[in-house]
């Protein structure tokens, strides 16, 4: 019985380690940018975006555990810039930033971000 429990613990531990390694973030150099991809515990993509000179840059997209977009953010060399979208249950908040300053928040009907 002890051998079975020990074997089961070993299998579960090895599976957990292998699963955790699959969920490590990935980084891919693309010209002067680095594309970063982070994962949820279930293996689905959690967030994708770019770094430039180690600062958040360009568009970042965050997904919920089922793969649906939950946040779209835009940066310019680490500074919040342009339109951001935060998806709720039935509406989406459209937030506008200019040079890291909040300019406007609007709530729009629907959660379809297919235009992104």
N, C-alpha and C. Protein backbone atom coordinates (compact mmCIF):
# COMPACT_ATOMS: atom_id res chain seq x y z
N UNK A 1 0.83 -1.19 0.00
CA UNK A 1 0.00 0.00 0.00
C UNK A 1 0.87 1.26 0.00
N UNK A 2 1.94 1.23 0.83
CA UNK A 2 2.84 2.38 0.89
C UNK A 2 3.50 2.62 -0.46
N UNK A 3 3.84 1.53 -1.16
CA UNK A 3 4.47 1.67 -2.47
C UNK A 3 3.52 2.30 -3.49
N UNK A 4 2.24 1.95 -3.41
CA UNK A 4 1.24 2.51 -4.32
C UNK A 4 1.08 4.00 -4.05
N UNK A 5 0.99 4.38 -2.79
CA UNK A 5 0.85 5.80 -2.43
C UNK A 5 2.08 6.57 -2.86
N UNK A 6 3.27 6.02 -2.61
CA UNK A 6 4.51 6.68 -3.02
C UNK A 6 4.56 6.85 -4.53
N UNK A 7 4.17 5.82 -5.27
CA UNK A 7 4.16 5.89 -6.73
C UNK A 7 3.17 6.94 -7.22
N UNK A 8 2.00 6.98 -6.59
CA UNK A 8 0.98 7.96 -6.96
C UNK A 8 1.48 9.37 -6.70
N UNK A 9 2.11 9.59 -5.57
CA UNK A 9 2.66 10.92 -5.25
C UNK A 9 3.73 11.29 -6.27
N UNK A 10 4.59 10.35 -6.63
CA UNK A 10 5.63 10.60 -7.61
C UNK A 10 5.04 10.98 -8.96
N UNK A 11 4.02 10.26 -9.40
CA UNK A 11 3.37 10.55 -10.68
C UNK A 11 2.72 11.93 -10.66
N UNK A 12 1.99 12.23 -9.59
CA UNK A 12 1.33 13.53 -9.48
C UNK A 12 2.33 14.66 -9.44
N UNK A 13 3.43 14.47 -8.73
CA UNK A 13 4.46 15.50 -8.66
C UNK A 13 5.10 15.71 -10.02
N UNK A 14 5.45 14.65 -10.70
CA UNK A 14 6.07 14.75 -12.02
C UNK A 14 5.12 15.41 -13.01
N UNK A 15 3.85 15.06 -12.95
CA UNK A 15 2.84 15.67 -13.83
C UNK A 15 2.72 17.16 -13.53
N UNK A 16 2.70 17.50 -12.26
CA UNK A 16 2.60 18.91 -11.87
C UNK A 16 3.78 19.71 -12.34
N UNK A 17 4.99 19.15 -12.24
CA UNK A 17 6.19 19.84 -12.70
C UNK A 17 6.14 20.03 -14.21
N UNK A 18 5.77 18.98 -14.94
CA UNK A 18 5.68 19.08 -16.40
C UNK A 18 4.64 20.10 -16.81
N UNK A 19 3.50 20.10 -16.13
CA UNK A 19 2.43 21.05 -16.45
C UNK A 19 2.89 22.48 -16.15
N UNK A 20 3.57 22.68 -15.04
CA UNK A 20 4.05 24.01 -14.68
C UNK A 20 5.05 24.52 -15.71
N UNK A 21 5.90 23.63 -16.23
CA UNK A 21 6.88 24.05 -17.22
C UNK A 21 6.20 24.48 -18.51
N UNK A 22 5.10 23.86 -18.87
CA UNK A 22 4.37 24.24 -20.07
C UNK A 22 3.76 25.62 -19.94
N UNK A 23 3.52 26.08 -18.71
CA UNK A 23 2.88 27.36 -18.49
C UNK A 23 3.87 28.49 -18.25
N UNK A 24 5.13 28.23 -18.43
CA UNK A 24 6.13 29.28 -18.28
C UNK A 24 5.93 30.31 -19.40
N UNK A 25 6.16 31.58 -19.12
CA UNK A 25 6.02 32.59 -20.17
C UNK A 25 7.02 32.34 -21.30
N UNK A 26 6.66 32.77 -22.49
CA UNK A 26 7.58 32.67 -23.62
C UNK A 26 7.90 34.07 -24.12
N UNK A 27 9.12 34.23 -24.61
CA UNK A 27 9.59 35.52 -25.11
C UNK A 27 10.25 35.30 -26.47
N UNK A 28 9.83 36.12 -27.44
CA UNK A 28 10.32 35.95 -28.81
C UNK A 28 10.76 37.30 -29.35
N UNK A 29 12.01 37.39 -29.77
CA UNK A 29 12.54 38.64 -30.32
C UNK A 29 11.96 38.87 -31.71
N UNK A 30 11.43 40.08 -31.94
CA UNK A 30 10.90 40.47 -33.25
C UNK A 30 11.40 41.88 -33.56
N UNK A 31 12.46 41.96 -34.36
CA UNK A 31 13.12 43.23 -34.66
C UNK A 31 13.57 43.89 -33.36
N UNK A 32 13.10 45.12 -33.08
CA UNK A 32 13.52 45.80 -31.85
C UNK A 32 12.54 45.56 -30.69
N UNK A 33 11.59 44.64 -30.88
CA UNK A 33 10.62 44.32 -29.84
C UNK A 33 10.81 42.89 -29.34
N UNK A 34 10.28 42.63 -28.15
CA UNK A 34 10.23 41.27 -27.62
C UNK A 34 8.76 40.95 -27.36
N UNK A 35 8.26 39.93 -28.03
CA UNK A 35 6.88 39.50 -27.83
C UNK A 35 6.83 38.57 -26.61
N UNK A 36 5.97 38.91 -25.67
CA UNK A 36 5.82 38.12 -24.45
C UNK A 36 4.45 37.45 -24.45
N UNK A 37 4.42 36.18 -24.07
CA UNK A 37 3.18 35.44 -23.94
C UNK A 37 3.17 34.77 -22.57
N UNK A 38 2.13 35.05 -21.79
CA UNK A 38 1.96 34.47 -20.46
C UNK A 38 0.74 33.55 -20.49
N UNK A 39 0.74 32.52 -19.63
CA UNK A 39 -0.28 31.50 -19.66
C UNK A 39 -1.02 31.35 -18.33
N UNK A 40 -2.29 30.99 -18.41
CA UNK A 40 -3.07 30.60 -17.24
C UNK A 40 -2.61 29.22 -16.78
N UNK A 41 -3.01 28.83 -15.60
CA UNK A 41 -2.69 27.49 -15.08
C UNK A 41 -3.26 26.38 -15.96
N UNK A 42 -4.35 26.68 -16.67
CA UNK A 42 -4.96 25.65 -17.51
C UNK A 42 -4.30 25.55 -18.89
N UNK A 43 -3.23 26.34 -19.12
CA UNK A 43 -2.50 26.29 -20.39
C UNK A 43 -2.97 27.28 -21.43
N UNK A 44 -4.13 27.90 -21.21
CA UNK A 44 -4.63 28.91 -22.15
C UNK A 44 -3.81 30.20 -22.02
N UNK A 45 -3.72 30.95 -23.10
CA UNK A 45 -2.98 32.21 -23.07
C UNK A 45 -3.69 33.19 -22.14
N UNK A 46 -2.90 33.81 -21.26
CA UNK A 46 -3.42 34.81 -20.32
C UNK A 46 -3.19 36.23 -20.85
N UNK A 47 -2.02 36.44 -21.45
CA UNK A 47 -1.68 37.79 -21.88
C UNK A 47 -0.62 37.73 -22.97
N UNK A 48 -0.76 38.61 -23.97
CA UNK A 48 0.22 38.72 -25.05
C UNK A 48 0.50 40.20 -25.26
N UNK A 49 1.77 40.53 -25.38
CA UNK A 49 2.13 41.91 -25.64
C UNK A 49 3.61 42.03 -25.97
N UNK A 50 4.06 43.26 -26.06
CA UNK A 50 5.42 43.53 -26.49
C UNK A 50 6.17 44.40 -25.49
N UNK A 51 7.48 44.19 -25.46
CA UNK A 51 8.39 45.05 -24.72
C UNK A 51 9.32 45.72 -25.71
N UNK A 52 9.66 46.96 -25.41
CA UNK A 52 10.69 47.68 -26.17
C UNK A 52 11.60 48.31 -25.13
N UNK A 53 12.86 47.99 -25.19
CA UNK A 53 13.82 48.48 -24.19
C UNK A 53 13.33 48.19 -22.77
N UNK A 54 12.80 46.98 -22.57
CA UNK A 54 12.31 46.48 -21.28
C UNK A 54 11.10 47.25 -20.73
N UNK A 55 10.41 47.99 -21.59
CA UNK A 55 9.19 48.71 -21.21
C UNK A 55 8.02 48.17 -22.01
N UNK A 56 6.84 48.16 -21.38
CA UNK A 56 5.63 47.75 -22.10
C UNK A 56 5.48 48.64 -23.32
N UNK A 57 5.15 48.03 -24.46
CA UNK A 57 5.05 48.80 -25.69
C UNK A 57 4.01 48.18 -26.61
N UNK A 58 3.33 49.03 -27.34
CA UNK A 58 2.35 48.60 -28.33
C UNK A 58 1.13 47.97 -27.64
N UNK A 59 0.45 47.09 -28.31
CA UNK A 59 -0.81 46.53 -27.79
C UNK A 59 -0.56 45.31 -26.91
N UNK A 60 -1.25 45.29 -25.76
CA UNK A 60 -1.27 44.13 -24.86
C UNK A 60 -2.69 43.64 -24.77
N UNK A 61 -2.88 42.33 -24.90
CA UNK A 61 -4.22 41.75 -24.82
C UNK A 61 -4.23 40.71 -23.70
N UNK A 62 -5.21 40.82 -22.81
CA UNK A 62 -5.37 39.87 -21.71
C UNK A 62 -6.63 39.04 -21.99
N UNK A 63 -6.53 37.73 -21.71
CA UNK A 63 -7.63 36.79 -21.94
C UNK A 63 -8.06 36.17 -20.61
N UNK A 64 -9.34 35.81 -20.53
CA UNK A 64 -9.79 35.07 -19.35
C UNK A 64 -9.41 33.59 -19.55
N UNK A 65 -9.72 32.76 -18.57
CA UNK A 65 -9.30 31.36 -18.61
C UNK A 65 -9.95 30.56 -19.74
N UNK A 66 -11.06 31.09 -20.29
CA UNK A 66 -11.71 30.38 -21.40
C UNK A 66 -11.21 30.87 -22.77
N UNK A 67 -10.34 31.89 -22.78
CA UNK A 67 -9.78 32.39 -24.03
C UNK A 67 -10.46 33.63 -24.57
N UNK A 68 -11.42 34.17 -23.84
CA UNK A 68 -12.13 35.38 -24.27
C UNK A 68 -11.33 36.62 -23.86
N UNK A 69 -11.25 37.60 -24.75
CA UNK A 69 -10.53 38.84 -24.44
C UNK A 69 -11.20 39.55 -23.27
N UNK A 70 -10.39 39.96 -22.29
CA UNK A 70 -10.93 40.69 -21.14
C UNK A 70 -10.40 42.11 -21.07
N UNK A 71 -9.18 42.35 -21.55
CA UNK A 71 -8.60 43.70 -21.54
C UNK A 71 -7.73 43.87 -22.77
N UNK A 72 -7.83 45.05 -23.39
CA UNK A 72 -6.90 45.45 -24.44
C UNK A 72 -6.29 46.76 -23.98
N UNK A 73 -4.96 46.80 -23.93
CA UNK A 73 -4.24 47.99 -23.45
C UNK A 73 -3.21 48.40 -24.49
N UNK A 74 -2.89 49.68 -24.51
CA UNK A 74 -1.89 50.20 -25.43
C UNK A 74 -0.87 51.04 -24.68
N UNK A 75 0.39 50.82 -25.02
CA UNK A 75 1.49 51.53 -24.38
C UNK A 75 2.41 52.11 -25.45
N UNK A 76 3.09 53.18 -25.09
CA UNK A 76 4.14 53.76 -25.91
C UNK A 76 5.36 53.93 -25.02
N UNK A 77 6.30 53.01 -25.13
CA UNK A 77 7.51 53.01 -24.29
C UNK A 77 7.20 53.10 -22.81
N UNK A 78 6.29 52.25 -22.35
CA UNK A 78 5.96 52.18 -20.93
C UNK A 78 4.91 53.15 -20.46
N UNK A 79 4.41 53.99 -21.35
CA UNK A 79 3.41 55.00 -21.00
C UNK A 79 2.06 54.60 -21.58
N UNK A 80 1.01 54.66 -20.75
CA UNK A 80 -0.34 54.36 -21.22
C UNK A 80 -0.71 55.39 -22.29
N UNK A 81 -1.18 54.87 -23.43
CA UNK A 81 -1.47 55.76 -24.56
C UNK A 81 -2.61 55.19 -25.39
N UNK A 82 -3.54 56.05 -25.77
CA UNK A 82 -4.60 55.63 -26.67
C UNK A 82 -5.76 54.93 -25.98
N UNK A 83 -6.48 54.13 -26.77
CA UNK A 83 -7.69 53.45 -26.29
C UNK A 83 -7.35 52.16 -25.57
N UNK A 84 -8.02 51.97 -24.45
CA UNK A 84 -7.98 50.71 -23.69
C UNK A 84 -9.40 50.22 -23.64
N UNK A 85 -9.57 48.90 -23.55
CA UNK A 85 -10.90 48.30 -23.46
C UNK A 85 -10.91 47.29 -22.32
N UNK A 86 -11.91 47.40 -21.45
CA UNK A 86 -12.10 46.44 -20.37
C UNK A 86 -13.48 45.85 -20.54
N UNK A 87 -13.52 44.53 -20.76
CA UNK A 87 -14.76 43.85 -21.07
C UNK A 87 -15.44 43.38 -19.79
N UNK A 88 -16.72 43.75 -19.64
CA UNK A 88 -17.53 43.29 -18.52
C UNK A 88 -18.49 42.21 -18.97
N UNK A 89 -19.48 41.95 -18.15
CA UNK A 89 -20.48 40.91 -18.49
C UNK A 89 -21.30 41.29 -19.72
N UNK A 90 -21.78 42.54 -19.76
CA UNK A 90 -22.65 42.96 -20.87
C UNK A 90 -22.16 44.22 -21.57
N UNK A 91 -21.21 44.90 -20.98
CA UNK A 91 -20.72 46.15 -21.56
C UNK A 91 -19.20 46.14 -21.59
N UNK A 92 -18.66 47.11 -22.31
CA UNK A 92 -17.22 47.29 -22.39
C UNK A 92 -16.91 48.73 -22.04
N UNK A 93 -15.90 48.92 -21.20
CA UNK A 93 -15.44 50.27 -20.89
C UNK A 93 -14.35 50.63 -21.89
N UNK A 94 -14.52 51.78 -22.54
CA UNK A 94 -13.50 52.30 -23.44
C UNK A 94 -12.81 53.44 -22.70
N UNK A 95 -11.55 53.27 -22.45
CA UNK A 95 -10.79 54.24 -21.66
C UNK A 95 -9.73 54.86 -22.55
N UNK A 96 -9.63 56.19 -22.52
CA UNK A 96 -8.65 56.88 -23.35
C UNK A 96 -7.56 57.48 -22.46
N UNK A 97 -6.31 57.18 -22.82
CA UNK A 97 -5.15 57.74 -22.13
C UNK A 97 -4.35 58.59 -23.10
N UNK A 98 -3.75 59.63 -22.58
CA UNK A 98 -2.80 60.45 -23.35
C UNK A 98 -1.62 60.71 -22.43
N UNK A 99 -0.46 60.19 -22.82
CA UNK A 99 0.78 60.36 -22.05
C UNK A 99 0.58 59.97 -20.58
N UNK A 100 -0.02 58.82 -20.35
CA UNK A 100 -0.22 58.24 -19.01
C UNK A 100 -1.34 58.92 -18.21
N UNK A 101 -2.03 59.88 -18.80
CA UNK A 101 -3.12 60.57 -18.09
C UNK A 101 -4.46 60.08 -18.61
N UNK A 102 -5.35 59.80 -17.67
CA UNK A 102 -6.70 59.37 -18.02
C UNK A 102 -7.45 60.56 -18.61
N UNK A 103 -7.94 60.40 -19.82
CA UNK A 103 -8.65 61.47 -20.52
C UNK A 103 -10.16 61.27 -20.47
N UNK A 104 -10.60 60.03 -20.74
CA UNK A 104 -12.04 59.80 -20.86
C UNK A 104 -12.35 58.33 -20.59
N UNK A 105 -13.52 58.10 -19.99
CA UNK A 105 -14.03 56.74 -19.79
C UNK A 105 -15.44 56.71 -20.33
N UNK A 106 -15.71 55.79 -21.23
CA UNK A 106 -17.06 55.62 -21.78
C UNK A 106 -17.46 54.16 -21.64
N UNK A 107 -18.73 53.94 -21.41
CA UNK A 107 -19.24 52.59 -21.37
C UNK A 107 -20.03 52.34 -22.64
N UNK A 108 -19.69 51.28 -23.35
CA UNK A 108 -20.36 50.96 -24.59
C UNK A 108 -21.07 49.61 -24.43
N UNK A 109 -22.19 49.47 -25.11
CA UNK A 109 -22.96 48.22 -25.04
C UNK A 109 -22.22 47.12 -25.79
N UNK A 110 -22.30 45.94 -25.27
CA UNK A 110 -21.72 44.78 -25.92
C UNK A 110 -20.31 44.48 -25.47
N UNK A 111 -19.88 43.30 -25.82
CA UNK A 111 -18.55 42.84 -25.43
C UNK A 111 -17.74 42.35 -26.63
N UNK A 112 -18.20 42.62 -27.84
CA UNK A 112 -17.53 42.18 -29.05
C UNK A 112 -16.35 43.09 -29.35
N UNK A 113 -15.15 42.54 -29.30
CA UNK A 113 -13.95 43.32 -29.62
C UNK A 113 -13.31 42.81 -30.91
N UNK A 114 -14.12 42.34 -31.84
CA UNK A 114 -13.59 41.77 -33.07
C UNK A 114 -12.86 42.82 -33.93
N UNK A 115 -13.09 44.09 -33.64
CA UNK A 115 -12.43 45.16 -34.39
C UNK A 115 -10.97 45.34 -33.97
N UNK A 116 -10.56 44.68 -32.90
CA UNK A 116 -9.19 44.82 -32.40
C UNK A 116 -8.24 44.07 -33.32
